[in-house]
Amino acid sequence: MNAATPVEKQFDAYNAHDLEAFAACYSEDFTAYRMPTMTPSLQGKDALVTFYRNHRFNNKALRAELLSRTVLGNKVFDHELIHGIYDQPVNSIAVFEVENSLIKTAWFYFE
């Protein structure tokens, strides 16, 4: 499986607010970082599900617009505009590390 496949699936599920399909793209030991800090912002699939249920997918205006995607080995770099969190879209780079066809780690950079 191409490293982009689970990233594409989670992107589509994100925009559909489909929590079950979204979570299925992540490993049980998933870790997320909101850069520049190296302290995890989320650890584990359960934390991911709780966060997206309570702080993202309950927002009907939430959607991501993909501007570009680059795949380098098992890393996928998405440049996105995130709509619905603030009054103006948020410019974001998400770096996804894929292992065993699941997203294991993600680093999020916001402007």
PDB file of N, CA and C in Angstrom:
ATOM      1  N   MET A   1       0.850  -1.190   0.000  1.00  0.00           N
ATOM      2  CA  MET A   1       0.000   0.000   0.000  1.00  0.00           C
ATOM      3  C   MET A   1       0.889   1.245   0.000  1.00  0.00           C
ATOM      4  N   ASN A   2       0.536   2.191  -0.801  1.00  0.00           N
ATOM      5  CA  ASN A   2       1.216   3.478  -0.871  1.00  0.00           C
ATOM      6  C   ASN A   2       0.993   4.242   0.443  1.00  0.00           C
ATOM      7  N   ALA A   3       1.992   4.952   0.913  1.00  0.00           N
ATOM      8  CA  ALA A   3       1.866   5.707   2.168  1.00  0.00           C
ATOM      9  C   ALA A   3       0.734   6.729   2.101  1.00  0.00           C
ATOM     10  N   ALA A   4       0.404   7.201   0.920  1.00  0.00           N
ATOM     11  CA  ALA A   4      -0.651   8.205   0.798  1.00  0.00           C
ATOM     12  C   ALA A   4      -2.052   7.627   1.006  1.00  0.00           C
ATOM     13  N   THR A   5      -2.222   6.316   0.855  1.00  0.00           N
ATOM     14  CA  THR A   5      -3.562   5.726   0.925  1.00  0.00           C
ATOM     15  C   THR A   5      -4.271   5.992   2.248  1.00  0.00           C
ATOM     16  N   PRO A   6      -3.681   5.686   3.412  1.00  0.00           N
ATOM     17  CA  PRO A   6      -4.400   5.981   4.663  1.00  0.00           C
ATOM     18  C   PRO A   6      -4.579   7.482   4.894  1.00  0.00           C
ATOM     19  N   VAL A   7      -3.671   8.295   4.374  1.00  0.00           N
ATOM     20  CA  VAL A   7      -3.795   9.748   4.510  1.00  0.00           C
ATOM     21  C   VAL A   7      -4.967  10.249   3.670  1.00  0.00           C
ATOM     22  N   GLU A   8      -5.100   9.728   2.464  1.00  0.00           N
ATOM     23  CA  GLU A   8      -6.246  10.091   1.616  1.00  0.00           C
ATOM     24  C   GLU A   8      -7.559   9.683   2.282  1.00  0.00           C
ATOM     25  N   LYS A   9      -7.584   8.473   2.850  1.00  0.00           N
ATOM     26  CA  LYS A   9      -8.804   7.985   3.502  1.00  0.00           C
ATOM     27  C   LYS A   9      -9.175   8.834   4.709  1.00  0.00           C
ATOM     28  N   GLN A  10      -8.167   9.201   5.526  1.00  0.00           N
ATOM     29  CA  GLN A  10      -8.476  10.022   6.705  1.00  0.00           C
ATOM     30  C   GLN A  10      -8.906  11.421   6.286  1.00  0.00           C
ATOM     31  N   PHE A  11      -8.353  11.942   5.201  1.00  0.00           N
ATOM     32  CA  PHE A  11      -8.736  13.266   4.709  1.00  0.00           C
ATOM     33  C   PHE A  11     -10.206  13.264   4.279  1.00  0.00           C
ATOM     34  N   ASP A  12     -10.591  12.244   3.534  1.00  0.00           N
ATOM     35  CA  ASP A  12     -11.985  12.139   3.092  1.00  0.00           C
ATOM     36  C   ASP A  12     -12.925  11.973   4.290  1.00  0.00           C
ATOM     37  N   ALA A  13     -12.536  11.140   5.256  1.00  0.00           N
ATOM     38  CA  ALA A  13     -13.362  10.919   6.453  1.00  0.00           C
ATOM     39  C   ALA A  13     -13.448  12.191   7.293  1.00  0.00           C
ATOM     40  N   TYR A  14     -12.359  12.954   7.360  1.00  0.00           N
ATOM     41  CA  TYR A  14     -12.341  14.233   8.079  1.00  0.00           C
ATOM     42  C   TYR A  14     -13.404  15.166   7.498  1.00  0.00           C
ATOM     43  N   ASN A  15     -13.414  15.298   6.193  1.00  0.00           N
ATOM     44  CA  ASN A  15     -14.366  16.201   5.546  1.00  0.00           C
ATOM     45  C   ASN A  15     -15.801  15.689   5.620  1.00  0.00           C
ATOM     46  N   ALA A  16     -15.974  14.379   5.761  1.00  0.00           N
ATOM     47  CA  ALA A  16     -17.308  13.793   5.910  1.00  0.00           C
ATOM     48  C   ALA A  16     -17.748  13.754   7.378  1.00  0.00           C
ATOM     49  N   HIS A  17     -16.839  14.126   8.289  1.00  0.00           N
ATOM     50  CA  HIS A  17     -17.080  14.047   9.736  1.00  0.00           C
ATOM     51  C   HIS A  17     -17.459  12.620  10.136  1.00  0.00           C
ATOM     52  N   ASP A  18     -16.821  11.651   9.495  1.00  0.00           N
ATOM     53  CA  ASP A  18     -17.062  10.232   9.753  1.00  0.00           C
ATOM     54  C   ASP A  18     -15.995   9.736  10.729  1.00  0.00           C
ATOM     55  N   LEU A  19     -16.302   9.798  12.019  1.00  0.00           N
ATOM     56  CA  LEU A  19     -15.323   9.492  13.058  1.00  0.00           C
ATOM     57  C   LEU A  19     -14.825   8.053  12.969  1.00  0.00           C
ATOM     58  N   GLU A  20     -15.696   7.119  12.691  1.00  0.00           N
ATOM     59  CA  GLU A  20     -15.288   5.711  12.619  1.00  0.00           C
ATOM     60  C   GLU A  20     -14.300   5.479  11.472  1.00  0.00           C
ATOM     61  N   ALA A  21     -14.605   5.992  10.293  1.00  0.00           N
ATOM     62  CA  ALA A  21     -13.704   5.844   9.144  1.00  0.00           C
ATOM     63  C   ALA A  21     -12.396   6.603   9.376  1.00  0.00           C
ATOM     64  N   PHE A  22     -12.489   7.764  10.003  1.00  0.00           N
ATOM     65  CA  PHE A  22     -11.313   8.567  10.318  1.00  0.00           C
ATOM     66  C   PHE A  22     -10.381   7.797  11.252  1.00  0.00           C
ATOM     67  N   ALA A  23     -10.920   7.304  12.354  1.00  0.00           N
ATOM     68  CA  ALA A  23     -10.113   6.601  13.360  1.00  0.00           C
ATOM     69  C   ALA A  23      -9.505   5.320  12.802  1.00  0.00           C
ATOM     70  N   ALA A  24     -10.168   4.684  11.842  1.00  0.00           N
ATOM     71  CA  ALA A  24      -9.668   3.434  11.261  1.00  0.00           C
ATOM     72  C   ALA A  24      -8.345   3.617  10.525  1.00  0.00           C
ATOM     73  N   CYS A  25      -7.968   4.844  10.234  1.00  0.00           N
ATOM     74  CA  CYS A  25      -6.727   5.139   9.510  1.00  0.00           C
ATOM     75  C   CYS A  25      -5.519   5.276  10.432  1.00  0.00           C
ATOM     76  N   TYR A  26      -5.734   5.232  11.729  1.00  0.00           N
ATOM     77  CA  TYR A  26      -4.680   5.493  12.712  1.00  0.00           C
ATOM     78  C   TYR A  26      -4.333   4.243  13.512  1.00  0.00           C
ATOM     79  N   SER A  27      -3.057   4.132  13.881  1.00  0.00           N
ATOM     80  CA  SER A  27      -2.609   3.016  14.711  1.00  0.00           C
ATOM     81  C   SER A  27      -3.060   3.231  16.159  1.00  0.00           C
ATOM     82  N   GLU A  28      -3.117   2.153  16.901  1.00  0.00           N
ATOM     83  CA  GLU A  28      -3.518   2.220  18.323  1.00  0.00           C
ATOM     84  C   GLU A  28      -2.570   3.103  19.122  1.00  0.00           C
ATOM     85  N   ASP A  29      -1.285   3.108  18.754  1.00  0.00           N
ATOM     86  CA  ASP A  29      -0.282   3.893  19.496  1.00  0.00           C
ATOM     87  C   ASP A  29       0.049   5.210  18.792  1.00  0.00           C
ATOM     88  N   PHE A  30      -0.925   5.763  18.085  1.00  0.00           N
ATOM     89  CA  PHE A  30      -0.767   7.034  17.380  1.00  0.00           C
ATOM     90  C   PHE A  30      -0.310   8.144  18.334  1.00  0.00           C
ATOM     91  N   THR A  31       0.561   9.022  17.817  1.00  0.00           N
ATOM     92  CA  THR A  31       1.015  10.204  18.553  1.00  0.00           C
ATOM     93  C   THR A  31       0.948  11.409  17.623  1.00  0.00           C
ATOM     94  N   ALA A  32       0.412  12.529  18.140  1.00  0.00           N
ATOM     95  CA  ALA A  32       0.340  13.777  17.377  1.00  0.00           C
ATOM     96  C   ALA A  32       1.119  14.863  18.099  1.00  0.00           C
ATOM     97  N   TYR A  33       1.706  15.756  17.309  1.00  0.00           N
ATOM     98  CA  TYR A  33       2.456  16.894  17.838  1.00  0.00           C
ATOM     99  C   TYR A  33       1.951  18.163  17.163  1.00  0.00           C
ATOM    100  N   ARG A  34       1.757  19.215  17.940  1.00  0.00           N
ATOM    101  CA  ARG A  34       1.456  20.542  17.395  1.00  0.00           C
ATOM    102  C   ARG A  34       2.754  21.327  17.502  1.00  0.00           C
ATOM    103  N   MET A  35       3.397  21.479  16.392  1.00  0.00           N
ATOM    104  CA  MET A  35       4.728  22.093  16.373  1.00  0.00           C
ATOM    105  C   MET A  35       4.639  23.576  16.695  1.00  0.00           C
ATOM    106  N   PRO A  36       5.665  24.142  17.319  1.00  0.00           N
ATOM    107  CA  PRO A  36       7.026  23.640  17.427  1.00  0.00           C
ATOM    108  C   PRO A  36       7.301  22.798  18.678  1.00  0.00           C
ATOM    109  N   THR A  37       6.324  22.552  19.510  1.00  0.00           N
ATOM    110  CA  THR A  37       6.600  21.777  20.717  1.00  0.00           C
ATOM    111  C   THR A  37       6.840  20.311  20.394  1.00  0.00           C
ATOM    112  N   MET A  38       7.659  19.657  21.174  1.00  0.00           N
ATOM    113  CA  MET A  38       7.899  18.229  21.002  1.00  0.00           C
ATOM    114  C   MET A  38       7.164  17.417  22.068  1.00  0.00           C
ATOM    115  N   THR A  39       6.273  18.075  22.794  1.00  0.00           N
ATOM    116  CA  THR A  39       5.410  17.376  23.739  1.00  0.00           C
ATOM    117  C   THR A  39       4.177  16.918  22.967  1.00  0.00           C
ATOM    118  N   PRO A  40       3.830  15.634  23.036  1.00  0.00           N
ATOM    119  CA  PRO A  40       2.665  15.165  22.277  1.00  0.00           C
ATOM    120  C   PRO A  40       1.386  15.908  22.664  1.00  0.00           C
ATOM    121  N   SER A  41       0.584  16.238  21.652  1.00  0.00           N
ATOM    122  CA  SER A  41      -0.720  16.842  21.908  1.00  0.00           C
ATOM    123  C   SER A  41      -1.795  15.770  22.037  1.00  0.00           C
ATOM    124  N   LEU A  42      -1.568  14.619  21.428  1.00  0.00           N
ATOM    125  CA  LEU A  42      -2.454  13.458  21.549  1.00  0.00           C
ATOM    126  C   LEU A  42      -1.601  12.202  21.578  1.00  0.00           C
ATOM    127  N   GLN A  43      -1.963  11.264  22.442  1.00  0.00           N
ATOM    128  CA  GLN A  43      -1.279   9.978  22.470  1.00  0.00           C
ATOM    129  C   GLN A  43      -2.322   8.875  22.533  1.00  0.00           C
ATOM    130  N   GLY A  44      -2.293   8.012  21.534  1.00  0.00           N
ATOM    131  CA  GLY A  44      -3.200   6.886  21.473  1.00  0.00           C
ATOM    132  C   GLY A  44      -4.443   7.170  20.655  1.00  0.00           C
ATOM    133  N   LYS A  45      -4.978   6.110  20.048  1.00  0.00           N
ATOM    134  CA  LYS A  45      -6.165   6.243  19.212  1.00  0.00           C
ATOM    135  C   LYS A  45      -7.372   6.697  20.027  1.00  0.00           C
ATOM    136  N   ASP A  46      -7.492   6.246  21.287  1.00  0.00           N
ATOM    137  CA  ASP A  46      -8.624   6.668  22.115  1.00  0.00           C
ATOM    138  C   ASP A  46      -8.628   8.180  22.318  1.00  0.00           C
ATOM    139  N   ALA A  47      -7.465   8.767  22.553  1.00  0.00           N
ATOM    140  CA  ALA A  47      -7.359  10.221  22.722  1.00  0.00           C
ATOM    141  C   ALA A  47      -7.729  10.936  21.423  1.00  0.00           C
ATOM    142  N   LEU A  48      -7.320  10.376  20.296  1.00  0.00           N
ATOM    143  CA  LEU A  48      -7.659  10.940  18.982  1.00  0.00           C
ATOM    144  C   LEU A  48      -9.178  10.957  18.794  1.00  0.00           C
ATOM    145  N   VAL A  49      -9.823   9.831  19.067  1.00  0.00           N
ATOM    146  CA  VAL A  49     -11.273   9.728  18.896  1.00  0.00           C
ATOM    147  C   VAL A  49     -11.993  10.725  19.800  1.00  0.00           C
ATOM    148  N   THR A  50     -11.589  10.804  21.049  1.00  0.00           N
ATOM    149  CA  THR A  50     -12.218  11.724  21.997  1.00  0.00           C
ATOM    150  C   THR A  50     -12.070  13.168  21.532  1.00  0.00           C
ATOM    151  N   PHE A  51     -10.856  13.550  21.114  1.00  0.00           N
ATOM    152  CA  PHE A  51     -10.619  14.923  20.675  1.00  0.00           C
ATOM    153  C   PHE A  51     -11.473  15.274  19.455  1.00  0.00           C
ATOM    154  N   TYR A  52     -11.454  14.419  18.437  1.00  0.00           N
ATOM    155  CA  TYR A  52     -12.188  14.739  17.215  1.00  0.00           C
ATOM    156  C   TYR A  52     -13.697  14.677  17.419  1.00  0.00           C
ATOM    157  N   ARG A  53     -14.162  13.819  18.305  1.00  0.00           N
ATOM    158  CA  ARG A  53     -15.597  13.776  18.609  1.00  0.00           C
ATOM    159  C   ARG A  53     -16.032  15.071  19.299  1.00  0.00           C
ATOM    160  N   ASN A  54     -15.255  15.540  20.265  1.00  0.00           N
ATOM    161  CA  ASN A  54     -15.644  16.675  21.102  1.00  0.00           C
ATOM    162  C   ASN A  54     -15.202  18.038  20.601  1.00  0.00           C
ATOM    163  N   HIS A  55     -14.165  18.092  19.756  1.00  0.00           N
ATOM    164  CA  HIS A  55     -13.590  19.389  19.384  1.00  0.00           C
ATOM    165  C   HIS A  55     -13.476  19.647  17.887  1.00  0.00           C
ATOM    166  N   ARG A  56     -13.857  18.705  17.051  1.00  0.00           N
ATOM    167  CA  ARG A  56     -13.771  18.928  15.605  1.00  0.00           C
ATOM    168  C   ARG A  56     -15.047  18.508  14.877  1.00  0.00           C
ATOM    169  N   PHE A  57     -15.418  17.257  14.967  1.00  0.00           N
ATOM    170  CA  PHE A  57     -16.526  16.755  14.154  1.00  0.00           C
ATOM    171  C   PHE A  57     -17.890  17.223  14.656  1.00  0.00           C
ATOM    172  N   ASN A  58     -17.943  17.876  15.794  1.00  0.00           N
ATOM    173  CA  ASN A  58     -19.183  18.495  16.270  1.00  0.00           C
ATOM    174  C   ASN A  58     -19.376  19.881  15.641  1.00  0.00           C
ATOM    175  N   ASN A  59     -18.427  20.315  14.817  1.00  0.00           N
ATOM    176  CA  ASN A  59     -18.443  21.617  14.150  1.00  0.00           C
ATOM    177  C   ASN A  59     -18.817  21.402  12.679  1.00  0.00           C
ATOM    178  N   LYS A  60     -20.061  21.705  12.323  1.00  0.00           N
ATOM    179  CA  LYS A  60     -20.544  21.461  10.956  1.00  0.00           C
ATOM    180  C   LYS A  60     -19.769  22.240   9.893  1.00  0.00           C
ATOM    181  N   ALA A  61     -19.152  23.362  10.267  1.00  0.00           N
ATOM    182  CA  ALA A  61     -18.413  24.184   9.307  1.00  0.00           C
ATOM    183  C   ALA A  61     -17.006  23.658   9.031  1.00  0.00           C
ATOM    184  N   LEU A  62     -16.554  22.698   9.820  1.00  0.00           N
ATOM    185  CA  LEU A  62     -15.192  22.185   9.686  1.00  0.00           C
ATOM    186  C   LEU A  62     -14.998  21.457   8.359  1.00  0.00           C
ATOM    187  N   ARG A  63     -13.936  21.836   7.658  1.00  0.00           N
ATOM    188  CA  ARG A  63     -13.522  21.110   6.450  1.00  0.00           C
ATOM    189  C   ARG A  63     -12.087  21.482   6.124  1.00  0.00           C
ATOM    190  N   ALA A  64     -11.423  20.574   5.442  1.00  0.00           N
ATOM    191  CA  ALA A  64     -10.044  20.817   5.020  1.00  0.00           C
ATOM    192  C   ALA A  64     -10.008  20.906   3.502  1.00  0.00           C
ATOM    193  N   GLU A  65      -9.212  21.816   3.012  1.00  0.00           N
ATOM    194  CA  GLU A  65      -8.996  21.996   1.574  1.00  0.00           C
ATOM    195  C   GLU A  65      -7.541  21.626   1.289  1.00  0.00           C
ATOM    196  N   LEU A  66      -7.329  20.608   0.498  1.00  0.00           N
ATOM    197  CA  LEU A  66      -5.981  20.154   0.179  1.00  0.00           C
ATOM    198  C   LEU A  66      -5.377  21.038  -0.903  1.00  0.00           C
ATOM    199  N   LEU A  67      -4.251  21.681  -0.586  1.00  0.00           N
ATOM    200  CA  LEU A  67      -3.550  22.524  -1.555  1.00  0.00           C
ATOM    201  C   LEU A  67      -2.459  21.751  -2.288  1.00  0.00           C
ATOM    202  N   SER A  68      -1.782  20.841  -1.562  1.00  0.00           N
ATOM    203  CA  SER A  68      -0.763  20.001  -2.190  1.00  0.00           C
ATOM    204  C   SER A  68      -0.470  18.800  -1.292  1.00  0.00           C
ATOM    205  N   ARG A  69       0.040  17.743  -1.924  1.00  0.00           N
ATOM    206  CA  ARG A  69       0.443  16.544  -1.177  1.00  0.00           C
ATOM    207  C   ARG A  69       1.741  16.035  -1.779  1.00  0.00           C
ATOM    208  N   THR A  70       2.701  15.726  -0.920  1.00  0.00           N
ATOM    209  CA  THR A  70       3.980  15.174  -1.337  1.00  0.00           C
ATOM    210  C   THR A  70       4.232  13.912  -0.524  1.00  0.00           C
ATOM    211  N   VAL A  71       4.668  12.849  -1.199  1.00  0.00           N
ATOM    212  CA  VAL A  71       4.998  11.599  -0.525  1.00  0.00           C
ATOM    213  C   VAL A  71       6.497  11.384  -0.640  1.00  0.00           C
ATOM    214  N   LEU A  72       7.131  11.113   0.494  1.00  0.00           N
ATOM    215  CA  LEU A  72       8.560  10.840   0.549  1.00  0.00           C
ATOM    216  C   LEU A  72       8.744   9.614   1.435  1.00  0.00           C
ATOM    217  N   GLY A  73       8.920   8.454   0.823  1.00  0.00           N
ATOM    218  CA  GLY A  73       9.015   7.212   1.586  1.00  0.00           C
ATOM    219  C   GLY A  73       7.719   6.953   2.329  1.00  0.00           C
ATOM    220  N   ASN A  74       7.821   6.797   3.661  1.00  0.00           N
ATOM    221  CA  ASN A  74       6.619   6.551   4.464  1.00  0.00           C
ATOM    222  C   ASN A  74       6.066   7.828   5.100  1.00  0.00           C
ATOM    223  N   LYS A  75       6.488   8.987   4.601  1.00  0.00           N
ATOM    224  CA  LYS A  75       5.991  10.279   5.095  1.00  0.00           C
ATOM    225  C   LYS A  75       5.136  10.935   4.016  1.00  0.00           C
ATOM    226  N   VAL A  76       4.035  11.521   4.465  1.00  0.00           N
ATOM    227  CA  VAL A  76       3.134  12.246   3.562  1.00  0.00           C
ATOM    228  C   VAL A  76       3.003  13.662   4.103  1.00  0.00           C
ATOM    229  N   PHE A  77       3.258  14.648   3.239  1.00  0.00           N
ATOM    230  CA  PHE A  77       3.218  16.055   3.593  1.00  0.00           C
ATOM    231  C   PHE A  77       2.008  16.690   2.922  1.00  0.00           C
ATOM    232  N   ASP A  78       1.034  17.111   3.716  1.00  0.00           N
ATOM    233  CA  ASP A  78      -0.162  17.772   3.178  1.00  0.00           C
ATOM    234  C   ASP A  78      -0.139  19.245   3.535  1.00  0.00           C
ATOM    235  N   HIS A  79      -0.314  20.092   2.531  1.00  0.00           N
ATOM    236  CA  HIS A  79      -0.509  21.526   2.747  1.00  0.00           C
ATOM    237  C   HIS A  79      -1.998  21.757   2.615  1.00  0.00           C
ATOM    238  N   GLU A  80      -2.623  22.262   3.670  1.00  0.00           N
ATOM    239  CA  GLU A  80      -4.072  22.387   3.722  1.00  0.00           C
ATOM    240  C   GLU A  80      -4.502  23.761   4.214  1.00  0.00           C
ATOM    241  N   LEU A  81      -5.702  24.121   3.850  1.00  0.00           N
ATOM    242  CA  LEU A  81      -6.410  25.229   4.483  1.00  0.00           C
ATOM    243  C   LEU A  81      -7.528  24.583   5.295  1.00  0.00           C
ATOM    244  N   ILE A  82      -7.569  24.880   6.588  1.00  0.00           N
ATOM    245  CA  ILE A  82      -8.593  24.330   7.469  1.00  0.00           C
ATOM    246  C   ILE A  82      -9.652  25.407   7.676  1.00  0.00           C
ATOM    247  N   HIS A  83     -10.862  25.092   7.305  1.00  0.00           N
ATOM    248  CA  HIS A  83     -11.990  26.018   7.415  1.00  0.00           C
ATOM    249  C   HIS A  83     -12.869  25.638   8.600  1.00  0.00           C
ATOM    250  N   GLY A  84     -13.436  26.654   9.256  1.00  0.00           N
ATOM    251  CA  GLY A  84     -14.444  26.412  10.273  1.00  0.00           C
ATOM    252  C   GLY A  84     -13.979  26.451  11.704  1.00  0.00           C
ATOM    253  N   ILE A  85     -12.681  26.504  11.943  1.00  0.00           N
ATOM    254  CA  ILE A  85     -12.196  26.582  13.330  1.00  0.00           C
ATOM    255  C   ILE A  85     -12.185  28.036  13.795  1.00  0.00           C
ATOM    256  N   TYR A  86     -11.731  28.918  12.912  1.00  0.00           N
ATOM    257  CA  TYR A  86     -11.687  30.347  13.190  1.00  0.00           C
ATOM    258  C   TYR A  86     -12.454  31.083  12.088  1.00  0.00           C
ATOM    259  N   ASP A  87     -12.576  32.387  12.200  1.00  0.00           N
ATOM    260  CA  ASP A  87     -13.274  33.173  11.182  1.00  0.00           C
ATOM    261  C   ASP A  87     -12.621  33.039   9.812  1.00  0.00           C
ATOM    262  N   GLN A  88     -11.301  32.979   9.799  1.00  0.00           N
ATOM    263  CA  GLN A  88     -10.550  32.849   8.546  1.00  0.00           C
ATOM    264  C   GLN A  88      -9.933  31.447   8.471  1.00  0.00           C
ATOM    265  N   PRO A  89      -9.733  30.915   7.265  1.00  0.00           N
ATOM    266  CA  PRO A  89      -9.083  29.606   7.130  1.00  0.00           C
ATOM    267  C   PRO A  89      -7.679  29.617   7.737  1.00  0.00           C
ATOM    268  N   VAL A  90      -7.279  28.477   8.270  1.00  0.00           N
ATOM    269  CA  VAL A  90      -5.964  28.312   8.882  1.00  0.00           C
ATOM    270  C   VAL A  90      -5.064  27.575   7.899  1.00  0.00           C
ATOM    271  N   ASN A  91      -3.906  28.155   7.618  1.00  0.00           N
ATOM    272  CA  ASN A  91      -2.907  27.543   6.758  1.00  0.00           C
ATOM    273  C   ASN A  91      -2.171  26.490   7.579  1.00  0.00           C
ATOM    274  N   SER A  92      -2.085  25.264   7.066  1.00  0.00           N
ATOM    275  CA  SER A  92      -1.532  24.160   7.844  1.00  0.00           C
ATOM    276  C   SER A  92      -0.679  23.244   6.977  1.00  0.00           C
ATOM    277  N   ILE A  93       0.377  22.725   7.582  1.00  0.00           N
ATOM    278  CA  ILE A  93       1.140  21.623   6.996  1.00  0.00           C
ATOM    279  C   ILE A  93       1.007  20.467   7.975  1.00  0.00           C
ATOM    280  N   ALA A  94       0.577  19.330   7.476  1.00  0.00           N
ATOM    281  CA  ALA A  94       0.490  18.119   8.283  1.00  0.00           C
ATOM    282  C   ALA A  94       1.462  17.106   7.703  1.00  0.00           C
ATOM    283  N   VAL A  95       2.294  16.547   8.559  1.00  0.00           N
ATOM    284  CA  VAL A  95       3.236  15.511   8.150  1.00  0.00           C
ATOM    285  C   VAL A  95       2.783  14.217   8.811  1.00  0.00           C
ATOM    286  N   PHE A  96       2.474  13.225   8.004  1.00  0.00           N
ATOM    287  CA  PHE A  96       1.995  11.936   8.499  1.00  0.00           C
ATOM    288  C   PHE A  96       3.049  10.865   8.262  1.00  0.00           C
ATOM    289  N   GLU A  97       3.355  10.109   9.302  1.00  0.00           N
ATOM    290  CA  GLU A  97       4.249   8.963   9.182  1.00  0.00           C
ATOM    291  C   GLU A  97       3.378   7.708   9.161  1.00  0.00           C
ATOM    292  N   VAL A  98       3.540   6.896   8.124  1.00  0.00           N
ATOM    293  CA  VAL A  98       2.712   5.713   7.935  1.00  0.00           C
ATOM    294  C   VAL A  98       3.544   4.459   8.183  1.00  0.00           C
ATOM    295  N   GLU A  99       3.020   3.575   9.027  1.00  0.00           N
ATOM    296  CA  GLU A  99       3.639   2.273   9.278  1.00  0.00           C
ATOM    297  C   GLU A  99       2.547   1.219   9.251  1.00  0.00           C
ATOM    298  N   ASN A 100       2.798   0.112   8.570  1.00  0.00           N
ATOM    299  CA  ASN A 100       1.824  -0.985   8.482  1.00  0.00           C
ATOM    300  C   ASN A 100       0.467  -0.492   7.992  1.00  0.00           C
ATOM    301  N   SER A 101       0.495   0.394   7.018  1.00  0.00           N
ATOM    302  CA  SER A 101      -0.719   0.930   6.362  1.00  0.00           C
ATOM    303  C   SER A 101      -1.603   1.773   7.277  1.00  0.00           C
ATOM    304  N   LEU A 102      -1.062   2.243   8.399  1.00  0.00           N
ATOM    305  CA  LEU A 102      -1.791   3.113   9.322  1.00  0.00           C
ATOM    306  C   LEU A 102      -0.942   4.326   9.667  1.00  0.00           C
ATOM    307  N   ILE A 103      -1.598   5.419  10.013  1.00  0.00           N
ATOM    308  CA  ILE A 103      -0.887   6.624  10.434  1.00  0.00           C
ATOM    309  C   ILE A 103      -0.432   6.424  11.873  1.00  0.00           C
ATOM    310  N   LYS A 104       0.878   6.450  12.073  1.00  0.00           N
ATOM    311  CA  LYS A 104       1.459   6.219  13.401  1.00  0.00           C
ATOM    312  C   LYS A 104       1.771   7.530  14.123  1.00  0.00           C
ATOM    313  N   THR A 105       2.248   8.517  13.368  1.00  0.00           N
ATOM    314  CA  THR A 105       2.645   9.799  13.958  1.00  0.00           C
ATOM    315  C   THR A 105       2.234  10.909  13.016  1.00  0.00           C
ATOM    316  N   ALA A 106       1.846  12.055  13.598  1.00  0.00           N
ATOM    317  CA  ALA A 106       1.532  13.234  12.797  1.00  0.00           C
ATOM    318  C   ALA A 106       2.103  14.463  13.482  1.00  0.00           C
ATOM    319  N   TRP A 107       2.661  15.338  12.664  1.00  0.00           N
ATOM    320  CA  TRP A 107       3.180  16.624  13.121  1.00  0.00           C
ATOM    321  C   TRP A 107       2.360  17.695  12.413  1.00  0.00           C
ATOM    322  N   PHE A 108       1.793  18.614  13.170  1.00  0.00           N
ATOM    323  CA  PHE A 108       0.942  19.655  12.605  1.00  0.00           C
ATOM    324  C   PHE A 108       1.593  21.021  12.804  1.00  0.00           C
ATOM    325  N   TYR A 109       1.723  21.754  11.733  1.00  0.00           N
ATOM    326  CA  TYR A 109       2.289  23.094  11.735  1.00  0.00           C
ATOM    327  C   TYR A 109       1.185  24.047  11.286  1.00  0.00           C
ATOM    328  N   PHE A 110       0.939  25.113  12.057  1.00  0.00           N
ATOM    329  CA  PHE A 110      -0.105  26.073  11.727  1.00  0.00           C
ATOM    330  C   PHE A 110       0.491  27.457  11.602  1.00  0.00           C
ATOM    331  N   GLU A 111      -0.058  28.213  10.684  1.00  0.00           N
ATOM    332  CA  GLU A 111       0.379  29.607  10.510  1.00  0.00           C
ATOM    333  C   GLU A 111      -0.501  30.495  11.349  1.00  0.00           C
TER     334      GLU A 111
END
